[in-house]
Amino acid sequence: AGLIKPILMRVPIIISDTLIKPLYSGLFNSIILPIGILLWNTSDLFAKTFEPFIRLFTLLFEPCINCFRLSSLKQINEQQLDNGDGYHHMEQKLLVNYLIRRNKFI
């Protein structure tokens, strides 16, 4: 406890030194702010530059995405039927079992 308390007492000071002081210092005004303005103003340019690559990526991998989606939906349906989740699945199983026994298919 003797080591933790002094560190905890210094946490607000460390936070203010690292987060608050740069906001009103010359470092912020001369370096960080211009970079932020540059990125803000050129974001449309970046979007227009990378948009064709993103479209190409989605066109190339869309079949894979659909395949994954369909396989996961099929897996969920099979799990629901196997586990008897939901009353309609359970009723369907009972009806099939009844018809099989009644007609003596087994």
N, C-alpha and C. Protein backbone atom coordinates (compact mmCIF):
# COMPACT_ATOMS: atom_id res chain seq x y z
N ALA A 1 0.83 -1.20 0.00
CA ALA A 1 0.00 0.00 0.00
C ALA A 1 0.86 1.25 0.00
N GLY A 2 2.10 1.11 0.50
CA GLY A 2 2.97 2.28 0.58
C GLY A 2 3.44 2.78 -0.78
N LEU A 3 3.51 1.88 -1.77
CA LEU A 3 3.96 2.28 -3.11
C LEU A 3 2.81 2.72 -4.00
N ILE A 4 1.63 2.14 -3.78
CA ILE A 4 0.49 2.40 -4.67
C ILE A 4 -0.08 3.80 -4.45
N LYS A 5 -0.17 4.24 -3.19
CA LYS A 5 -0.80 5.53 -2.90
C LYS A 5 -0.08 6.71 -3.57
N PRO A 6 1.25 6.81 -3.52
CA PRO A 6 1.90 7.93 -4.21
C PRO A 6 1.68 7.92 -5.72
N ILE A 7 1.64 6.70 -6.30
CA ILE A 7 1.39 6.60 -7.75
C ILE A 7 -0.02 7.07 -8.07
N LEU A 8 -0.99 6.62 -7.27
CA LEU A 8 -2.38 7.03 -7.50
C LEU A 8 -2.56 8.53 -7.32
N MET A 9 -1.80 9.11 -6.39
CA MET A 9 -1.91 10.56 -6.19
C MET A 9 -1.34 11.32 -7.38
N ARG A 10 -0.40 10.71 -8.10
CA ARG A 10 0.22 11.40 -9.25
C ARG A 10 -0.56 11.19 -10.55
N VAL A 11 -1.52 10.26 -10.59
CA VAL A 11 -2.25 9.96 -11.83
C VAL A 11 -2.92 11.19 -12.42
N PRO A 12 -3.67 12.00 -11.63
CA PRO A 12 -4.28 13.20 -12.23
C PRO A 12 -3.25 14.18 -12.79
N ILE A 13 -2.10 14.28 -12.13
CA ILE A 13 -1.05 15.18 -12.62
C ILE A 13 -0.48 14.66 -13.94
N ILE A 14 -0.25 13.35 -14.00
CA ILE A 14 0.28 12.75 -15.24
C ILE A 14 -0.72 12.94 -16.38
N ILE A 15 -2.00 12.73 -16.08
CA ILE A 15 -3.03 12.88 -17.11
C ILE A 15 -3.09 14.32 -17.60
N SER A 16 -3.04 15.27 -16.68
CA SER A 16 -3.12 16.67 -17.10
C SER A 16 -1.88 17.06 -17.90
N ASP A 17 -0.72 16.53 -17.52
CA ASP A 17 0.51 16.85 -18.26
C ASP A 17 0.50 16.27 -19.67
N THR A 18 -0.06 15.07 -19.83
CA THR A 18 0.00 14.41 -21.14
C THR A 18 -1.17 14.75 -22.04
N LEU A 19 -2.35 15.00 -21.46
CA LEU A 19 -3.53 15.22 -22.30
C LEU A 19 -3.95 16.68 -22.41
N ILE A 20 -3.84 17.44 -21.34
CA ILE A 20 -4.39 18.80 -21.35
C ILE A 20 -3.35 19.83 -21.78
N LYS A 21 -2.13 19.74 -21.26
CA LYS A 21 -1.11 20.74 -21.59
C LYS A 21 -0.79 20.82 -23.08
N PRO A 22 -0.69 19.69 -23.81
CA PRO A 22 -0.42 19.83 -25.25
C PRO A 22 -1.50 20.58 -26.01
N LEU A 23 -2.72 20.61 -25.47
CA LEU A 23 -3.80 21.30 -26.19
C LEU A 23 -3.60 22.80 -26.25
N TYR A 24 -2.92 23.37 -25.27
CA TYR A 24 -2.69 24.81 -25.33
C TYR A 24 -1.20 25.13 -25.46
N SER A 25 -0.42 24.15 -25.89
CA SER A 25 1.01 24.40 -26.05
C SER A 25 1.32 24.71 -27.51
N GLY A 26 2.53 25.19 -27.76
CA GLY A 26 2.96 25.48 -29.11
C GLY A 26 3.09 24.23 -29.96
N LEU A 27 3.39 23.09 -29.32
CA LEU A 27 3.50 21.83 -30.04
C LEU A 27 2.20 21.48 -30.74
N PHE A 28 1.09 21.66 -30.01
CA PHE A 28 -0.21 21.34 -30.59
C PHE A 28 -0.51 22.25 -31.77
N ASN A 29 -0.29 23.57 -31.57
CA ASN A 29 -0.63 24.54 -32.61
C ASN A 29 0.26 24.41 -33.84
N SER A 30 1.50 23.97 -33.65
CA SER A 30 2.42 23.95 -34.78
C SER A 30 2.46 22.61 -35.51
N ILE A 31 2.13 21.50 -34.83
CA ILE A 31 2.26 20.18 -35.47
C ILE A 31 0.93 19.44 -35.56
N ILE A 32 0.29 19.23 -34.42
CA ILE A 32 -0.89 18.36 -34.39
C ILE A 32 -2.07 19.00 -35.12
N LEU A 33 -2.32 20.26 -34.88
CA LEU A 33 -3.47 20.94 -35.51
C LEU A 33 -3.35 20.97 -37.04
N PRO A 34 -2.20 21.36 -37.62
CA PRO A 34 -2.11 21.34 -39.08
C PRO A 34 -2.29 19.95 -39.69
N ILE A 35 -1.78 18.91 -39.00
CA ILE A 35 -1.97 17.54 -39.51
C ILE A 35 -3.46 17.19 -39.51
N GLY A 36 -4.16 17.57 -38.44
CA GLY A 36 -5.60 17.31 -38.37
C GLY A 36 -6.36 18.04 -39.46
N ILE A 37 -6.00 19.30 -39.71
CA ILE A 37 -6.67 20.08 -40.76
C ILE A 37 -6.39 19.46 -42.13
N LEU A 38 -5.14 19.05 -42.36
CA LEU A 38 -4.77 18.42 -43.63
C LEU A 38 -5.57 17.14 -43.85
N LEU A 39 -5.65 16.30 -42.83
CA LEU A 39 -6.41 15.05 -42.96
C LEU A 39 -7.89 15.32 -43.18
N TRP A 40 -8.43 16.32 -42.48
CA TRP A 40 -9.84 16.66 -42.63
C TRP A 40 -10.14 17.14 -44.05
N ASN A 41 -9.25 17.98 -44.59
CA ASN A 41 -9.48 18.55 -45.92
C ASN A 41 -9.24 17.54 -47.04
N THR A 42 -8.37 16.56 -46.81
CA THR A 42 -8.05 15.60 -47.87
C THR A 42 -8.80 14.28 -47.71
N SER A 43 -9.75 14.21 -46.79
CA SER A 43 -10.46 12.94 -46.58
C SER A 43 -11.27 12.56 -47.82
N ASP A 44 -11.85 13.56 -48.53
CA ASP A 44 -12.59 13.25 -49.76
C ASP A 44 -11.65 12.70 -50.83
N LEU A 45 -10.46 13.28 -50.91
CA LEU A 45 -9.48 12.80 -51.88
C LEU A 45 -9.07 11.36 -51.58
N PHE A 46 -8.85 11.06 -50.29
CA PHE A 46 -8.52 9.69 -49.90
C PHE A 46 -9.66 8.74 -50.25
N ALA A 47 -10.89 9.18 -49.99
CA ALA A 47 -12.04 8.33 -50.26
C ALA A 47 -12.16 8.05 -51.75
N LYS A 48 -11.97 9.09 -52.58
CA LYS A 48 -12.06 8.90 -54.03
C LYS A 48 -10.92 8.03 -54.55
N THR A 49 -9.77 8.11 -53.91
CA THR A 49 -8.62 7.31 -54.34
C THR A 49 -8.82 5.84 -54.03
N PHE A 50 -9.32 5.54 -52.84
CA PHE A 50 -9.41 4.15 -52.40
C PHE A 50 -10.74 3.49 -52.74
N GLU A 51 -11.74 4.27 -53.18
CA GLU A 51 -13.06 3.70 -53.47
C GLU A 51 -13.01 2.61 -54.54
N PRO A 52 -12.28 2.81 -55.67
CA PRO A 52 -12.23 1.73 -56.67
C PRO A 52 -11.63 0.44 -56.12
N PHE A 53 -10.62 0.56 -55.25
CA PHE A 53 -10.01 -0.63 -54.67
C PHE A 53 -10.99 -1.35 -53.74
N ILE A 54 -11.77 -0.57 -52.99
CA ILE A 54 -12.76 -1.18 -52.09
C ILE A 54 -13.84 -1.88 -52.90
N ARG A 55 -14.27 -1.25 -54.01
CA ARG A 55 -15.28 -1.88 -54.88
C ARG A 55 -14.73 -3.17 -55.49
N LEU A 56 -13.48 -3.13 -55.94
CA LEU A 56 -12.86 -4.32 -56.51
C LEU A 56 -12.78 -5.45 -55.47
N PHE A 57 -12.40 -5.09 -54.27
CA PHE A 57 -12.31 -6.07 -53.18
C PHE A 57 -13.67 -6.70 -52.92
N THR A 58 -14.73 -5.87 -52.85
CA THR A 58 -16.06 -6.42 -52.58
C THR A 58 -16.55 -7.27 -53.75
N LEU A 59 -16.23 -6.86 -54.99
CA LEU A 59 -16.63 -7.67 -56.14
C LEU A 59 -15.93 -9.03 -56.14
N LEU A 60 -14.65 -9.02 -55.77
CA LEU A 60 -13.90 -10.28 -55.77
C LEU A 60 -14.35 -11.23 -54.67
N PHE A 61 -14.68 -10.67 -53.52
CA PHE A 61 -14.96 -11.53 -52.37
C PHE A 61 -16.45 -11.65 -52.05
N GLU A 62 -17.31 -11.05 -52.88
CA GLU A 62 -18.75 -11.15 -52.61
C GLU A 62 -19.25 -12.59 -52.65
N PRO A 63 -18.83 -13.40 -53.64
CA PRO A 63 -19.29 -14.81 -53.62
C PRO A 63 -18.90 -15.54 -52.34
N CYS A 64 -17.68 -15.27 -51.85
CA CYS A 64 -17.26 -15.92 -50.60
C CYS A 64 -18.13 -15.49 -49.43
N ILE A 65 -18.46 -14.18 -49.40
CA ILE A 65 -19.29 -13.66 -48.31
C ILE A 65 -20.67 -14.31 -48.37
N ASN A 66 -21.25 -14.40 -49.58
CA ASN A 66 -22.56 -15.04 -49.72
C ASN A 66 -22.49 -16.52 -49.34
N CYS A 67 -21.39 -17.16 -49.72
CA CYS A 67 -21.22 -18.57 -49.39
C CYS A 67 -21.17 -18.78 -47.88
N PHE A 68 -20.39 -17.93 -47.20
CA PHE A 68 -20.32 -18.02 -45.74
C PHE A 68 -21.68 -17.77 -45.12
N ARG A 69 -22.41 -16.77 -45.65
CA ARG A 69 -23.71 -16.41 -45.10
C ARG A 69 -24.68 -17.58 -45.25
N LEU A 70 -24.71 -18.16 -46.46
CA LEU A 70 -25.63 -19.27 -46.70
C LEU A 70 -25.28 -20.49 -45.85
N SER A 71 -23.98 -20.78 -45.74
CA SER A 71 -23.59 -21.95 -44.95
C SER A 71 -23.92 -21.75 -43.48
N SER A 72 -23.75 -20.51 -42.98
CA SER A 72 -24.07 -20.28 -41.57
C SER A 72 -25.58 -20.37 -41.34
N LEU A 73 -26.39 -19.85 -42.29
CA LEU A 73 -27.84 -19.96 -42.16
C LEU A 73 -28.28 -21.42 -42.20
N LYS A 74 -27.68 -22.20 -43.10
CA LYS A 74 -28.01 -23.62 -43.19
C LYS A 74 -27.64 -24.35 -41.90
N GLN A 75 -26.48 -24.00 -41.36
CA GLN A 75 -26.03 -24.63 -40.12
C GLN A 75 -26.98 -24.30 -38.98
N ILE A 76 -27.43 -23.03 -38.91
CA ILE A 76 -28.37 -22.63 -37.86
C ILE A 76 -29.67 -23.41 -38.00
N ASN A 77 -30.19 -23.54 -39.24
CA ASN A 77 -31.43 -24.28 -39.46
C ASN A 77 -31.27 -25.74 -39.05
N GLU A 78 -30.15 -26.36 -39.42
CA GLU A 78 -29.93 -27.76 -39.05
C GLU A 78 -29.82 -27.93 -37.54
N GLN A 79 -29.17 -26.97 -36.89
CA GLN A 79 -29.06 -27.04 -35.43
C GLN A 79 -30.44 -26.93 -34.79
N GLN A 80 -31.28 -26.04 -35.33
CA GLN A 80 -32.62 -25.88 -34.76
C GLN A 80 -33.43 -27.16 -34.94
N LEU A 81 -33.30 -27.79 -36.11
CA LEU A 81 -34.05 -29.03 -36.34
C LEU A 81 -33.51 -30.16 -35.47
N ASP A 82 -32.19 -30.24 -35.35
CA ASP A 82 -31.59 -31.32 -34.55
C ASP A 82 -31.89 -31.17 -33.07
N ASN A 83 -31.83 -29.94 -32.59
CA ASN A 83 -32.05 -29.70 -31.16
C ASN A 83 -33.52 -29.62 -30.79
N GLY A 84 -34.39 -29.53 -31.80
CA GLY A 84 -35.80 -29.36 -31.51
C GLY A 84 -36.11 -27.99 -30.96
N ASP A 85 -35.32 -26.98 -31.33
CA ASP A 85 -35.59 -25.63 -30.85
C ASP A 85 -36.87 -25.12 -31.51
N GLY A 86 -37.76 -24.62 -30.72
CA GLY A 86 -39.02 -24.12 -31.25
C GLY A 86 -40.04 -25.24 -31.33
N TYR A 87 -41.29 -24.90 -31.05
CA TYR A 87 -42.33 -25.93 -30.99
C TYR A 87 -42.66 -26.49 -32.36
N HIS A 88 -42.60 -25.67 -33.41
CA HIS A 88 -42.98 -26.17 -34.73
C HIS A 88 -42.02 -27.25 -35.20
N HIS A 89 -40.73 -27.15 -34.85
CA HIS A 89 -39.79 -28.19 -35.23
C HIS A 89 -40.10 -29.47 -34.47
N MET A 90 -40.41 -29.33 -33.20
CA MET A 90 -40.69 -30.50 -32.37
C MET A 90 -41.96 -31.18 -32.86
N GLU A 91 -42.99 -30.39 -33.19
CA GLU A 91 -44.23 -30.96 -33.70
C GLU A 91 -43.99 -31.68 -35.02
N GLN A 92 -43.14 -31.09 -35.86
CA GLN A 92 -42.84 -31.71 -37.14
C GLN A 92 -42.15 -33.07 -36.93
N LYS A 93 -41.24 -33.14 -36.00
CA LYS A 93 -40.56 -34.40 -35.71
C LYS A 93 -41.54 -35.44 -35.17
N LEU A 94 -42.41 -35.01 -34.24
CA LEU A 94 -43.38 -35.95 -33.67
C LEU A 94 -44.33 -36.47 -34.74
N LEU A 95 -44.75 -35.59 -35.65
CA LEU A 95 -45.67 -36.00 -36.72
C LEU A 95 -44.99 -37.01 -37.64
N VAL A 96 -43.75 -36.75 -38.01
CA VAL A 96 -43.02 -37.68 -38.88
C VAL A 96 -42.85 -39.03 -38.18
N ASN A 97 -42.48 -39.01 -36.90
CA ASN A 97 -42.33 -40.27 -36.16
C ASN A 97 -43.65 -41.02 -36.08
N TYR A 98 -44.76 -40.30 -35.85
CA TYR A 98 -46.08 -40.93 -35.77
C TYR A 98 -46.45 -41.58 -37.10
N LEU A 99 -46.21 -40.85 -38.21
CA LEU A 99 -46.56 -41.40 -39.52
C LEU A 99 -45.71 -42.62 -39.85
N ILE A 100 -44.44 -42.59 -39.47
CA ILE A 100 -43.56 -43.73 -39.74
C ILE A 100 -44.04 -44.95 -38.96
N ARG A 101 -44.38 -44.76 -37.67
CA ARG A 101 -44.84 -45.89 -36.85
C ARG A 101 -46.20 -46.40 -37.32
N ARG A 102 -47.08 -45.48 -37.68
CA ARG A 102 -48.45 -45.86 -38.09
C ARG A 102 -48.41 -46.68 -39.37
N ASN A 103 -47.58 -46.25 -40.31
CA ASN A 103 -47.51 -46.96 -41.58
C ASN A 103 -46.50 -48.11 -41.56
N LYS A 104 -45.86 -48.29 -40.39
CA LYS A 104 -44.93 -49.40 -40.18
C LYS A 104 -43.82 -49.42 -41.23
N PHE A 105 -43.24 -48.23 -41.44
CA PHE A 105 -42.10 -48.17 -42.35
C PHE A 105 -40.85 -48.73 -41.68
N ILE A 106 -40.85 -48.75 -40.34
CA ILE A 106 -39.67 -49.25 -39.62
C ILE A 106 -39.91 -50.69 -39.23
